[in-house]
Amino acid sequence: MESFLTHVPEGTAWYYIIMMGGAAVMIASAFHPKVRKMRWYWGITAMTVAIIFWGCHFVYSQEHASVTVTYGESLRVKAGAGAPDLRWSEIDQGAIRRIDWQTDAALAPVKRDFGTGFPGFAAGWFTLRNDEKAFVIMVRDAPEGSDVLIPVQETEGDSYQMILSLQDPQGFLDYMQQK
């Protein structure tokens, strides 16, 4: 079993600060004497705080994403909700390659279907410019050549792409080629 880390986006601590600040304001304002009489406010506060904490967890899980390859069994992407676990037979190993964005502009994600899209960071299910669907974990400021394309053909006949920004793309490619 081998693990490969994805690139971590820079500056995401601000998202935590903003989300936690919003939760603090909601909680603090709930104790204002005029607001205490409004019972509906407690429900809205509880829902808002829960959504903010879920958002923090989602950002954290996307930041600490990794790809684990177990030869002969699976390729597991640990990146929060919606990340696929692939059986070895679903991966087109001969077509795994690095992405050169100058020539592969059709692979750029354009529409987010499920996931997150912070400035400089995209993670989740996206529709690509060529109208294919893809699971993406990308960091805009990652070094050139660190994005890897993994074509997937599921047993149900459905196909999609995986695009991952890896810290060691050559190590990942070498590992996948030797197996």
Foldseek 3Di string as FASTA:
>chain_A
DDKFWFAAAPDCVVLLVVLVVVLVVLVVVCPDVVNVVVVVSVVVSVVSNVVSVVVVVLSVLLRGWMWDDDPQAWIFIRRDPAGDIGGPVFWPLVPKAWDQCVPPVQQAFDAADDFDDDVQWTAAWGQGNVRFIEGETGGNPQDGRQWMKIWTQDPVRHIGIYITRTPCNVVVNVVSVVD
